[in-house]
């Protein structure tokens, strides 16, 4: 049987001043924040391209799917409407068969090795999350041997310290692994922190599973 190719979906926003990284923009300027995001995405895409998986861009708002801001050779799909949870659930269930991971575009520390470890975890688990230090997550992946759970991302308290725990709880009893911890950039302090070695990545220390077993990457 032919092995289904893994897919890495990078979620991006139209990089226009005042529409992207607005929290960062309030501190450093909206134009500067949009410029940082545009160049950060290009750096991230150069870093995560790998023959072991296909890279796709999931774009919001939908009309920006034709934007010239992103490399023309990377396939693009629309995120669609709804809150973050609805959009991620749609992306996890809507791409071609095979394992899929979603990541945000504002993660300066991400590397091919982080992505490879996440996909490796899906060989033994149904889902994988990459935790963030603030209680959220920078990556979510599904093995997709079955459709995403009906309640996936329901009642998640986004943009706070409970986002990861709520998301895991919404999956019910599926086997969930935790991969590397990485930080995103929302504030000027986050930007400064990214320049300090050793503070952007840490190995995971646990796995959530229906039987309490498993191993962290």
N, C-alpha and C. Protein backbone atom coordinates (compact mmCIF):
# COMPACT_ATOMS: atom_id res chain seq x y z
N UNK A 1 0.84 -1.20 0.00
CA UNK A 1 0.00 0.00 0.00
C UNK A 1 0.88 1.25 0.00
N UNK A 2 0.51 2.25 -0.83
CA UNK A 2 1.29 3.48 -0.89
C UNK A 2 1.10 4.28 0.39
N UNK A 3 2.20 4.75 0.95
CA UNK A 3 2.14 5.53 2.18
C UNK A 3 1.64 6.94 1.85
N UNK A 4 0.68 7.41 2.65
CA UNK A 4 0.12 8.73 2.43
C UNK A 4 1.10 9.80 2.89
N UNK A 5 1.28 10.80 2.05
CA UNK A 5 2.27 11.85 2.34
C UNK A 5 1.77 12.77 3.44
N UNK A 6 2.67 13.11 4.34
CA UNK A 6 2.34 14.06 5.40
C UNK A 6 2.20 15.46 4.83
N UNK A 7 1.38 16.28 5.50
CA UNK A 7 1.17 17.66 5.06
C UNK A 7 1.34 18.60 6.25
N UNK A 8 2.09 19.66 6.00
CA UNK A 8 2.29 20.71 6.99
C UNK A 8 1.55 21.95 6.50
N UNK A 9 0.56 22.38 7.26
CA UNK A 9 -0.25 23.54 6.90
C UNK A 9 0.18 24.72 7.76
N UNK A 10 0.65 25.79 7.12
CA UNK A 10 1.07 26.99 7.82
C UNK A 10 -0.06 28.02 7.72
N UNK A 11 -0.59 28.43 8.87
CA UNK A 11 -1.69 29.38 8.91
C UNK A 11 -1.14 30.80 8.88
N UNK A 12 -1.56 31.59 7.88
CA UNK A 12 -1.04 32.94 7.71
C UNK A 12 -2.19 33.93 7.56
N UNK A 13 -1.89 35.18 7.90
CA UNK A 13 -2.81 36.29 7.70
C UNK A 13 -2.27 37.22 6.62
N UNK A 14 -3.18 37.92 5.97
CA UNK A 14 -2.78 38.94 5.00
C UNK A 14 -1.90 39.97 5.72
N UNK A 15 -0.64 40.15 5.28
CA UNK A 15 0.31 40.97 6.05
C UNK A 15 0.15 42.47 5.79
N UNK A 16 -1.02 42.99 6.09
CA UNK A 16 -1.26 44.42 5.93
C UNK A 16 -1.23 45.12 7.28
N UNK A 17 -0.64 46.31 7.35
CA UNK A 17 -0.59 47.04 8.62
C UNK A 17 -1.98 47.24 9.21
N UNK A 18 -2.09 46.94 10.50
CA UNK A 18 -3.37 47.08 11.19
C UNK A 18 -4.24 45.85 11.11
N UNK A 19 -3.83 44.84 10.35
CA UNK A 19 -4.62 43.62 10.22
C UNK A 19 -3.90 42.39 10.73
N UNK A 20 -2.59 42.52 10.95
CA UNK A 20 -1.81 41.37 11.41
C UNK A 20 -0.89 41.83 12.53
N UNK A 21 -0.70 40.96 13.54
CA UNK A 21 0.16 41.25 14.68
C UNK A 21 -0.15 42.62 15.28
N UNK A 22 -1.44 42.88 15.51
CA UNK A 22 -1.84 44.19 16.01
C UNK A 22 -1.39 44.43 17.45
N UNK A 23 -1.30 43.38 18.23
CA UNK A 23 -0.81 43.56 19.60
C UNK A 23 0.65 44.00 19.59
N UNK A 24 1.44 43.38 18.74
CA UNK A 24 2.83 43.81 18.57
C UNK A 24 2.88 45.21 17.99
N UNK A 25 1.98 45.48 17.05
CA UNK A 25 1.96 46.77 16.38
C UNK A 25 1.69 47.93 17.32
N UNK A 26 0.91 47.69 18.37
CA UNK A 26 0.63 48.76 19.32
C UNK A 26 1.88 49.18 20.08
N UNK A 27 2.88 48.32 20.07
CA UNK A 27 4.12 48.63 20.77
C UNK A 27 5.23 49.13 19.85
N UNK A 28 5.32 48.56 18.65
CA UNK A 28 6.43 48.92 17.77
C UNK A 28 5.97 49.65 16.51
N UNK A 29 4.65 49.77 16.31
CA UNK A 29 4.11 50.39 15.11
C UNK A 29 3.49 49.35 14.20
N UNK A 30 2.33 49.66 13.61
CA UNK A 30 1.62 48.70 12.78
C UNK A 30 2.38 48.35 11.51
N UNK A 31 3.02 49.34 10.90
CA UNK A 31 3.80 49.08 9.68
C UNK A 31 4.98 48.15 10.00
N UNK A 32 5.66 48.45 11.10
CA UNK A 32 6.81 47.64 11.49
C UNK A 32 6.39 46.21 11.84
N UNK A 33 5.24 46.06 12.51
CA UNK A 33 4.77 44.73 12.87
C UNK A 33 4.40 43.92 11.64
N UNK A 34 3.74 44.56 10.67
CA UNK A 34 3.39 43.87 9.43
C UNK A 34 4.65 43.48 8.65
N UNK A 35 5.64 44.37 8.62
CA UNK A 35 6.91 44.07 7.96
C UNK A 35 7.57 42.87 8.63
N UNK A 36 7.60 42.87 9.97
CA UNK A 36 8.21 41.74 10.67
C UNK A 36 7.50 40.45 10.32
N UNK A 37 6.17 40.46 10.31
CA UNK A 37 5.41 39.24 10.04
C UNK A 37 5.69 38.73 8.63
N UNK A 38 5.69 39.63 7.65
CA UNK A 38 5.93 39.22 6.27
C UNK A 38 7.29 38.53 6.14
N UNK A 39 8.33 39.09 6.73
CA UNK A 39 9.66 38.51 6.63
C UNK A 39 9.80 37.28 7.51
N UNK A 40 9.12 37.25 8.65
CA UNK A 40 9.13 36.07 9.49
C UNK A 40 8.52 34.87 8.77
N UNK A 41 7.42 35.09 8.07
CA UNK A 41 6.79 33.99 7.33
C UNK A 41 7.73 33.46 6.26
N UNK A 42 8.39 34.34 5.55
CA UNK A 42 9.32 33.88 4.52
C UNK A 42 10.46 33.09 5.12
N UNK A 43 10.98 33.53 6.26
CA UNK A 43 12.05 32.78 6.94
C UNK A 43 11.54 31.40 7.37
N UNK A 44 10.33 31.38 7.94
CA UNK A 44 9.77 30.12 8.42
C UNK A 44 9.57 29.15 7.26
N UNK A 45 9.06 29.63 6.14
CA UNK A 45 8.82 28.74 5.00
C UNK A 45 10.12 28.18 4.45
N UNK A 46 11.17 28.98 4.43
CA UNK A 46 12.47 28.45 3.99
C UNK A 46 12.95 27.35 4.94
N UNK A 47 12.68 27.52 6.22
CA UNK A 47 13.17 26.58 7.22
C UNK A 47 12.40 25.27 7.21
N UNK A 48 11.09 25.30 7.00
CA UNK A 48 10.29 24.09 7.19
C UNK A 48 10.08 23.29 5.90
N UNK A 49 10.49 23.81 4.78
CA UNK A 49 10.35 23.02 3.55
C UNK A 49 11.22 21.77 3.64
N UNK A 50 10.63 20.63 3.26
CA UNK A 50 11.35 19.37 3.39
C UNK A 50 10.65 18.33 2.51
N UNK A 51 11.40 17.47 1.83
CA UNK A 51 10.76 16.46 0.97
C UNK A 51 9.92 15.44 1.73
N UNK A 52 10.07 15.39 3.06
CA UNK A 52 9.30 14.41 3.83
C UNK A 52 7.84 14.81 3.99
N UNK A 53 7.49 16.07 3.72
CA UNK A 53 6.10 16.50 3.82
C UNK A 53 5.84 17.61 2.81
N UNK A 54 4.57 17.78 2.49
CA UNK A 54 4.15 18.87 1.61
C UNK A 54 3.77 20.07 2.47
N UNK A 55 4.19 21.26 2.07
CA UNK A 55 3.84 22.49 2.78
C UNK A 55 2.70 23.18 2.03
N UNK A 56 1.67 23.59 2.78
CA UNK A 56 0.57 24.36 2.24
C UNK A 56 0.38 25.61 3.09
N UNK A 57 -0.13 26.67 2.47
CA UNK A 57 -0.49 27.88 3.20
C UNK A 57 -2.00 27.93 3.34
N UNK A 58 -2.48 28.15 4.57
CA UNK A 58 -3.90 28.37 4.83
C UNK A 58 -4.06 29.85 5.15
N UNK A 59 -4.76 30.56 4.29
CA UNK A 59 -4.75 32.03 4.30
C UNK A 59 -6.06 32.59 4.83
N UNK A 60 -5.95 33.66 5.63
CA UNK A 60 -7.10 34.44 6.04
C UNK A 60 -6.75 35.92 5.92
N UNK A 61 -7.72 36.78 5.53
CA UNK A 61 -9.05 36.44 5.04
C UNK A 61 -8.98 35.70 3.71
N UNK A 62 -10.08 35.07 3.34
CA UNK A 62 -10.05 34.19 2.18
C UNK A 62 -9.64 34.91 0.89
N UNK A 63 -10.01 36.18 0.74
CA UNK A 63 -9.69 36.88 -0.50
C UNK A 63 -8.18 37.10 -0.68
N UNK A 64 -7.41 36.97 0.42
CA UNK A 64 -5.96 37.15 0.34
C UNK A 64 -5.23 35.91 -0.16
N UNK A 65 -5.98 34.87 -0.55
CA UNK A 65 -5.35 33.64 -1.00
C UNK A 65 -4.53 33.87 -2.27
N UNK A 66 -4.82 34.93 -3.00
CA UNK A 66 -4.05 35.24 -4.21
C UNK A 66 -2.94 36.27 -3.96
N UNK A 67 -2.67 36.60 -2.71
CA UNK A 67 -1.68 37.61 -2.38
C UNK A 67 -0.30 37.25 -2.94
N UNK A 68 0.44 38.27 -3.36
CA UNK A 68 1.79 38.07 -3.84
C UNK A 68 2.82 38.11 -2.71
N UNK A 69 2.35 38.20 -1.48
CA UNK A 69 3.27 38.28 -0.34
C UNK A 69 3.98 36.96 -0.10
N UNK A 70 3.39 35.85 -0.56
CA UNK A 70 3.94 34.53 -0.25
C UNK A 70 4.54 33.90 -1.50
N UNK A 71 5.47 32.96 -1.34
CA UNK A 71 6.06 32.30 -2.51
C UNK A 71 4.99 31.67 -3.40
N UNK A 72 5.10 31.90 -4.69
CA UNK A 72 4.06 31.47 -5.63
C UNK A 72 4.01 29.95 -5.80
N UNK A 73 5.09 29.25 -5.46
CA UNK A 73 5.13 27.81 -5.71
C UNK A 73 4.55 26.98 -4.58
N UNK A 74 4.10 27.62 -3.50
CA UNK A 74 3.51 26.89 -2.38
C UNK A 74 1.99 26.90 -2.53
N UNK A 75 1.35 25.74 -2.55
CA UNK A 75 -0.11 25.70 -2.68
C UNK A 75 -0.80 26.44 -1.54
N UNK A 76 -1.94 27.05 -1.84
CA UNK A 76 -2.68 27.83 -0.85
C UNK A 76 -4.12 27.34 -0.76
N UNK A 77 -4.65 27.42 0.42
CA UNK A 77 -6.06 27.11 0.65
C UNK A 77 -6.64 28.19 1.54
N UNK A 78 -7.94 28.36 1.50
CA UNK A 78 -8.61 29.35 2.34
C UNK A 78 -8.90 28.75 3.71
N UNK A 79 -8.74 29.57 4.75
CA UNK A 79 -9.08 29.10 6.09
C UNK A 79 -10.59 29.01 6.29
N UNK A 80 -11.36 29.85 5.61
CA UNK A 80 -12.80 29.86 5.80
C UNK A 80 -13.20 30.69 7.01
N UNK A 81 -14.48 30.71 7.30
CA UNK A 81 -15.00 31.54 8.38
C UNK A 81 -15.00 30.84 9.72
N UNK A 82 -15.43 31.58 10.75
CA UNK A 82 -15.52 31.03 12.09
C UNK A 82 -14.34 31.40 12.96
N UNK A 83 -14.41 31.01 14.23
CA UNK A 83 -13.32 31.31 15.15
C UNK A 83 -12.13 30.39 14.86
N UNK A 84 -11.06 30.59 15.62
CA UNK A 84 -9.83 29.83 15.37
C UNK A 84 -10.08 28.33 15.44
N UNK A 85 -10.86 27.88 16.42
CA UNK A 85 -11.12 26.46 16.56
C UNK A 85 -11.85 25.88 15.36
N UNK A 86 -12.86 26.58 14.88
CA UNK A 86 -13.60 26.10 13.71
C UNK A 86 -12.70 26.01 12.48
N UNK A 87 -11.84 27.02 12.32
CA UNK A 87 -10.96 27.02 11.15
C UNK A 87 -9.93 25.89 11.23
N UNK A 88 -9.36 25.67 12.41
CA UNK A 88 -8.37 24.60 12.54
C UNK A 88 -9.01 23.23 12.35
N UNK A 89 -10.19 23.05 12.91
CA UNK A 89 -10.88 21.76 12.74
C UNK A 89 -11.17 21.51 11.27
N UNK A 90 -11.58 22.55 10.55
CA UNK A 90 -11.86 22.42 9.12
C UNK A 90 -10.59 22.04 8.36
N UNK A 91 -9.48 22.67 8.70
CA UNK A 91 -8.22 22.37 8.01
C UNK A 91 -7.74 20.96 8.33
N UNK A 92 -7.90 20.53 9.56
CA UNK A 92 -7.46 19.19 9.94
C UNK A 92 -8.29 18.11 9.26
N UNK A 93 -9.54 18.41 8.98
CA UNK A 93 -10.39 17.40 8.37
C UNK A 93 -10.54 17.53 6.87
N UNK A 94 -10.06 18.65 6.29
CA UNK A 94 -10.38 18.93 4.91
C UNK A 94 -9.28 18.70 3.90
N UNK A 95 -8.05 18.48 4.34
CA UNK A 95 -6.98 18.24 3.37
C UNK A 95 -6.98 16.78 2.94
N UNK A 96 -6.14 16.43 1.99
CA UNK A 96 -6.10 15.07 1.46
C UNK A 96 -5.74 14.07 2.57
N UNK A 97 -6.11 12.79 2.40
CA UNK A 97 -5.84 11.79 3.44
C UNK A 97 -4.36 11.72 3.82
N UNK A 98 -4.11 11.40 5.08
CA UNK A 98 -2.75 11.30 5.58
C UNK A 98 -2.53 12.21 6.77
N UNK A 99 -1.43 12.03 7.50
CA UNK A 99 -1.16 12.86 8.68
C UNK A 99 -0.98 14.33 8.32
N UNK A 100 -1.48 15.21 9.18
CA UNK A 100 -1.39 16.64 8.92
C UNK A 100 -1.04 17.36 10.22
N UNK A 101 -0.20 18.37 10.13
CA UNK A 101 0.10 19.26 11.25
C UNK A 101 -0.17 20.69 10.83
N UNK A 102 -0.75 21.46 11.74
CA UNK A 102 -0.97 22.89 11.55
C UNK A 102 -0.01 23.65 12.46
N UNK A 103 0.57 24.72 11.93
CA UNK A 103 1.39 25.60 12.76
C UNK A 103 1.04 27.05 12.47
N UNK A 104 1.31 27.91 13.44
CA UNK A 104 1.23 29.33 13.21
C UNK A 104 2.47 29.81 12.49
N UNK A 105 2.39 31.04 11.94
CA UNK A 105 3.50 31.56 11.17
C UNK A 105 4.44 32.44 11.98
N UNK A 106 4.10 32.70 13.24
CA UNK A 106 4.88 33.65 14.06
C UNK A 106 5.74 32.94 15.09
N UNK A 107 6.37 31.83 14.67
CA UNK A 107 7.19 31.01 15.57
C UNK A 107 8.63 31.05 15.07
N UNK A 108 9.44 32.01 15.51
CA UNK A 108 10.80 32.12 14.97
C UNK A 108 11.69 30.91 15.23
N UNK A 109 11.42 30.16 16.28
CA UNK A 109 12.33 29.07 16.64
C UNK A 109 12.04 27.74 15.97
N UNK A 110 11.03 27.65 15.13
CA UNK A 110 10.66 26.36 14.58
C UNK A 110 11.69 25.89 13.55
N UNK A 111 11.90 24.58 13.50
CA UNK A 111 12.88 24.00 12.58
C UNK A 111 12.32 22.71 11.99
N UNK A 112 13.00 22.19 10.99
CA UNK A 112 12.61 20.91 10.40
C UNK A 112 12.59 19.81 11.45
N UNK A 113 13.54 19.86 12.38
CA UNK A 113 13.61 18.83 13.41
C UNK A 113 12.35 18.84 14.29
N UNK A 114 11.84 20.03 14.63
CA UNK A 114 10.61 20.11 15.42
C UNK A 114 9.44 19.48 14.66
N UNK A 115 9.33 19.81 13.39
CA UNK A 115 8.23 19.27 12.58
C UNK A 115 8.35 17.76 12.43
N UNK A 116 9.56 17.28 12.19
CA UNK A 116 9.78 15.85 12.02
C UNK A 116 9.41 15.10 13.29
N UNK A 117 9.75 15.65 14.46
CA UNK A 117 9.39 14.98 15.71
C UNK A 117 7.88 14.92 15.88
N UNK A 118 7.18 15.98 15.50
CA UNK A 118 5.73 15.98 15.62
C UNK A 118 5.11 14.89 14.74
N UNK A 119 5.55 14.81 13.49
CA UNK A 119 5.01 13.76 12.62
C UNK A 119 5.38 12.37 13.14
N UNK A 120 6.58 12.24 13.69
CA UNK A 120 6.97 10.94 14.25
C UNK A 120 6.03 10.52 15.37
N UNK A 121 5.63 11.46 16.20
CA UNK A 121 4.71 11.14 17.30
C UNK A 121 3.37 10.63 16.80
N UNK A 122 2.96 11.07 15.61
CA UNK A 122 1.69 10.61 15.06
C UNK A 122 1.75 9.15 14.61
N UNK A 123 2.94 8.57 14.59
CA UNK A 123 3.03 7.15 14.32
C UNK A 123 2.51 6.31 15.46
N UNK A 124 2.45 6.89 16.67
CA UNK A 124 2.04 6.14 17.85
C UNK A 124 0.88 6.79 18.59
N UNK A 125 0.41 7.94 18.13
CA UNK A 125 -0.66 8.67 18.80
C UNK A 125 -1.65 9.20 17.76
N UNK A 126 -2.83 9.54 18.23
CA UNK A 126 -3.86 10.05 17.33
C UNK A 126 -3.70 11.54 17.06
N UNK A 127 -3.13 12.25 18.02
CA UNK A 127 -2.97 13.70 17.90
C UNK A 127 -1.68 14.12 18.60
N UNK A 128 -1.16 15.27 18.19
CA UNK A 128 0.05 15.82 18.81
C UNK A 128 -0.12 17.32 18.93
N UNK A 129 0.37 17.87 20.04
CA UNK A 129 0.39 19.31 20.25
C UNK A 129 1.81 19.75 20.55
N UNK A 130 2.16 20.94 20.07
CA UNK A 130 3.39 21.60 20.46
C UNK A 130 3.05 22.71 21.43
N UNK A 131 3.32 22.56 22.71
CA UNK A 131 2.92 23.56 23.70
C UNK A 131 3.68 24.88 23.53
N UNK A 132 3.06 25.95 23.98
CA UNK A 132 3.70 27.26 24.08
C UNK A 132 3.83 27.62 25.55
N UNK A 133 4.81 28.44 25.92
CA UNK A 133 5.03 28.76 27.34
C UNK A 133 3.85 29.47 28.01
N UNK A 134 2.99 30.12 27.21
CA UNK A 134 1.88 30.88 27.80
C UNK A 134 0.62 30.05 28.01
N UNK A 135 0.70 28.74 27.79
CA UNK A 135 -0.46 27.88 27.98
C UNK A 135 -1.22 27.58 26.71
N UNK A 136 -0.78 28.14 25.61
CA UNK A 136 -1.37 27.83 24.32
C UNK A 136 -0.56 26.76 23.60
N UNK A 137 -0.62 26.76 22.28
CA UNK A 137 0.17 25.80 21.51
C UNK A 137 0.49 26.38 20.15
N UNK A 138 1.64 25.96 19.61
CA UNK A 138 2.09 26.45 18.32
C UNK A 138 1.86 25.44 17.20
N UNK A 139 1.55 24.20 17.56
CA UNK A 139 1.34 23.12 16.59
C UNK A 139 0.23 22.21 17.08
N UNK A 140 -0.59 21.77 16.15
CA UNK A 140 -1.53 20.68 16.42
C UNK A 140 -1.53 19.77 15.20
N UNK A 141 -1.50 18.46 15.45
CA UNK A 141 -1.49 17.51 14.35
C UNK A 141 -2.42 16.34 14.64
N UNK A 142 -2.89 15.72 13.56
CA UNK A 142 -3.75 14.55 13.67
C UNK A 142 -3.26 13.46 12.73
N UNK A 143 -3.33 12.21 13.20
CA UNK A 143 -2.99 11.08 12.35
C UNK A 143 -4.02 10.90 11.25
N UNK A 144 -5.28 11.17 11.55
CA UNK A 144 -6.39 11.14 10.61
C UNK A 144 -6.67 9.76 10.05
N UNK A 145 -6.67 8.77 10.91
CA UNK A 145 -7.21 7.47 10.53
C UNK A 145 -8.73 7.47 10.69
N UNK A 146 -9.24 8.55 11.29
CA UNK A 146 -10.68 8.75 11.47
C UNK A 146 -10.93 10.26 11.43
N UNK A 147 -12.17 10.70 11.20
CA UNK A 147 -12.46 12.14 11.20
C UNK A 147 -12.15 12.76 12.56
N UNK A 148 -11.84 14.07 12.61
CA UNK A 148 -11.61 14.73 13.90
C UNK A 148 -12.82 14.56 14.82
N UNK A 149 -12.60 14.44 16.12
CA UNK A 149 -13.72 14.32 17.06
C UNK A 149 -14.73 15.45 16.88
N UNK A 150 -16.01 15.13 17.04
CA UNK A 150 -17.07 16.12 16.80
C UNK A 150 -16.90 17.35 17.68
N UNK A 151 -16.42 17.16 18.92
CA UNK A 151 -16.30 18.28 19.85
C UNK A 151 -14.95 18.96 19.85
N UNK A 152 -14.13 18.66 18.85
CA UNK A 152 -12.77 19.22 18.81
C UNK A 152 -12.80 20.74 18.85
N UNK A 153 -12.07 21.32 19.79
CA UNK A 153 -11.91 22.77 20.00
C UNK A 153 -13.20 23.45 20.47
N UNK A 154 -14.19 22.68 20.90
CA UNK A 154 -15.41 23.29 21.43
C UNK A 154 -15.14 23.83 22.84
N UNK A 155 -15.59 25.04 23.09
CA UNK A 155 -15.50 25.69 24.41
C UNK A 155 -14.06 25.92 24.86
N UNK A 156 -13.14 26.05 23.93
CA UNK A 156 -11.75 26.36 24.29
C UNK A 156 -11.63 27.83 24.65
N UNK A 157 -10.92 28.11 25.73
CA UNK A 157 -10.67 29.49 26.14
C UNK A 157 -9.38 29.95 25.45
N UNK A 158 -9.56 30.59 24.28
CA UNK A 158 -8.42 31.00 23.48
C UNK A 158 -7.70 32.19 24.09
N UNK A 159 -6.46 32.38 23.65
CA UNK A 159 -5.65 33.54 24.05
C UNK A 159 -5.49 33.64 25.56
N UNK A 160 -5.31 32.50 26.19
CA UNK A 160 -5.11 32.49 27.64
C UNK A 160 -4.37 31.25 28.08
N UNK A 161 -4.17 31.08 29.37
CA UNK A 161 -3.36 29.97 29.88
C UNK A 161 -4.03 28.61 29.81
N UNK A 162 -5.31 28.56 29.40
CA UNK A 162 -6.03 27.29 29.38
C UNK A 162 -6.22 26.73 27.98
N UNK A 163 -5.71 27.41 26.95
CA UNK A 163 -6.01 27.01 25.58
C UNK A 163 -5.54 25.59 25.26
N UNK A 164 -4.34 25.23 25.67
CA UNK A 164 -3.84 23.88 25.39
C UNK A 164 -4.63 22.83 26.15
N UNK A 165 -4.81 23.03 27.45
CA UNK A 165 -5.53 22.05 28.26
C UNK A 165 -6.97 21.88 27.77
N UNK A 166 -7.63 22.99 27.44
CA UNK A 166 -9.00 22.91 26.94
C UNK A 166 -9.05 22.16 25.61
N UNK A 167 -8.07 22.41 24.74
CA UNK A 167 -8.05 21.75 23.43
C UNK A 167 -7.86 20.25 23.57
N UNK A 168 -6.96 19.85 24.45
CA UNK A 168 -6.75 18.42 24.69
C UNK A 168 -8.01 17.78 25.24
N UNK A 169 -8.65 18.46 26.19
CA UNK A 169 -9.88 17.93 26.79
C UNK A 169 -10.99 17.78 25.74
N UNK A 170 -11.01 18.65 24.74
CA UNK A 170 -12.07 18.60 23.73
C UNK A 170 -11.94 17.40 22.81
N UNK A 171 -10.81 16.70 22.84
CA UNK A 171 -10.60 15.55 21.97
C UNK A 171 -11.16 14.26 22.54
N UNK A 172 -11.61 14.30 23.78
CA UNK A 172 -12.13 13.08 24.38
C UNK A 172 -11.02 12.14 24.77
N UNK A 173 -11.14 10.86 24.42
CA UNK A 173 -10.18 9.86 24.88
C UNK A 173 -9.11 9.48 23.90
N UNK A 174 -8.88 10.28 22.85
CA UNK A 174 -7.85 9.90 21.88
C UNK A 174 -6.46 10.04 22.49
N UNK A 175 -5.51 9.32 21.93
CA UNK A 175 -4.14 9.36 22.43
C UNK A 175 -3.45 10.63 21.93
N UNK A 176 -2.99 11.46 22.86
CA UNK A 176 -2.41 12.75 22.52
C UNK A 176 -0.99 12.84 23.06
N UNK A 177 -0.06 13.22 22.19
CA UNK A 177 1.34 13.42 22.59
C UNK A 177 1.67 14.91 22.61
N UNK A 178 2.63 15.27 23.44
CA UNK A 178 3.16 16.62 23.47
C UNK A 178 4.56 16.62 22.89
N UNK A 179 4.82 17.51 21.96
CA UNK A 179 6.13 17.64 21.37
C UNK A 179 6.84 18.86 21.96
N UNK A 180 7.80 19.42 21.24
CA UNK A 180 8.63 20.51 21.77
C UNK A 180 7.80 21.75 22.14
N UNK A 181 8.27 22.46 23.16
CA UNK A 181 7.68 23.74 23.55
C UNK A 181 8.40 24.86 22.82
N UNK A 182 7.63 25.70 22.11
CA UNK A 182 8.17 26.85 21.40
C UNK A 182 7.31 28.08 21.68
N UNK A 183 7.92 29.24 21.56
CA UNK A 183 7.22 30.50 21.84
C UNK A 183 6.91 31.24 20.56
N UNK A 184 5.73 31.89 20.54
CA UNK A 184 5.40 32.77 19.42
C UNK A 184 5.77 34.21 19.78
N UNK A 185 5.47 35.13 18.89
CA UNK A 185 5.79 36.54 19.11
C UNK A 185 4.50 37.35 19.06
N UNK A 186 4.11 37.93 20.20
CA UNK A 186 2.94 38.79 20.28
C UNK A 186 3.28 40.20 20.74
N UNK A 187 4.41 40.35 21.42
CA UNK A 187 4.78 41.63 22.02
C UNK A 187 6.24 41.96 21.73
N UNK A 188 6.61 43.21 22.03
CA UNK A 188 8.01 43.61 21.88
C UNK A 188 8.91 42.80 22.80
N UNK A 189 8.41 42.46 23.98
CA UNK A 189 9.19 41.63 24.90
C UNK A 189 9.44 40.25 24.30
N UNK A 190 8.45 39.70 23.58
CA UNK A 190 8.64 38.41 22.92
C UNK A 190 9.74 38.51 21.87
N UNK A 191 9.76 39.62 21.13
CA UNK A 191 10.81 39.80 20.13
C UNK A 191 12.19 39.79 20.78
N UNK A 192 12.32 40.51 21.89
CA UNK A 192 13.60 40.57 22.58
C UNK A 192 13.98 39.19 23.12
N UNK A 193 13.00 38.46 23.59
CA UNK A 193 13.27 37.13 24.16
C UNK A 193 13.77 36.17 23.10
N UNK A 194 13.28 36.30 21.87
CA UNK A 194 13.71 35.41 20.81
C UNK A 194 15.20 35.56 20.51
N UNK A 195 15.77 36.70 20.86
CA UNK A 195 17.19 36.94 20.60
C UNK A 195 18.08 36.36 21.69
N UNK A 196 17.46 35.82 22.75
CA UNK A 196 18.24 35.26 23.85
C UNK A 196 18.27 33.76 23.73
N UNK A 197 19.43 33.15 23.44
CA UNK A 197 19.52 31.71 23.21
C UNK A 197 19.02 30.91 24.42
N UNK A 198 18.38 29.78 24.11
CA UNK A 198 17.98 28.85 25.16
C UNK A 198 16.63 29.12 25.77
N UNK A 199 15.94 30.19 25.33
CA UNK A 199 14.66 30.50 25.94
C UNK A 199 13.48 30.30 25.00
N UNK A 200 13.69 29.74 23.83
CA UNK A 200 12.61 29.61 22.87
C UNK A 200 12.16 28.19 22.66
N UNK A 201 12.90 27.20 23.11
CA UNK A 201 12.53 25.82 22.84
C UNK A 201 12.89 24.95 24.03
N UNK A 202 12.01 24.00 24.32
CA UNK A 202 12.27 23.05 25.39
C UNK A 202 11.58 21.75 25.05
N UNK A 203 12.16 20.61 25.45
CA UNK A 203 11.51 19.34 25.18
C UNK A 203 10.24 19.19 26.01
N UNK A 204 9.31 18.42 25.47
CA UNK A 204 8.08 18.16 26.20
C UNK A 204 8.37 17.24 27.39
N UNK A 205 7.48 17.30 28.38
CA UNK A 205 7.68 16.48 29.58
C UNK A 205 6.50 15.58 29.88
N UNK A 206 5.61 15.40 28.91
CA UNK A 206 4.49 14.52 29.20
C UNK A 206 3.68 14.20 27.99
N UNK A 207 2.80 13.22 28.14
CA UNK A 207 1.89 12.79 27.09
C UNK A 207 0.53 12.58 27.72
N UNK A 208 -0.52 13.04 27.04
CA UNK A 208 -1.87 12.81 27.47
C UNK A 208 -2.41 11.67 26.62
N UNK A 209 -2.94 10.62 27.24
CA UNK A 209 -3.45 9.50 26.47
C UNK A 209 -4.63 8.89 27.21
N UNK A 210 -5.43 8.13 26.47
CA UNK A 210 -6.59 7.51 27.09
C UNK A 210 -6.21 6.46 28.12
N UNK A 211 -5.00 5.88 27.97
CA UNK A 211 -4.57 4.85 28.91
C UNK A 211 -3.44 5.32 29.82
N UNK A 212 -3.10 6.62 29.73
CA UNK A 212 -2.06 7.15 30.60
C UNK A 212 -0.67 6.79 30.17
N UNK A 213 -0.53 6.16 28.99
CA UNK A 213 0.79 5.75 28.56
C UNK A 213 1.32 6.57 27.42
N UNK A 214 2.48 6.17 26.91
CA UNK A 214 3.07 6.86 25.77
C UNK A 214 4.39 7.51 26.14
N UNK A 215 4.95 8.23 25.18
CA UNK A 215 6.21 8.90 25.44
C UNK A 215 6.23 10.24 24.75
N UNK A 216 6.97 11.14 25.32
CA UNK A 216 7.08 12.49 24.73
C UNK A 216 8.25 12.50 23.77
N UNK A 217 8.17 13.43 22.77
CA UNK A 217 9.27 13.52 21.83
C UNK A 217 10.35 14.42 22.38
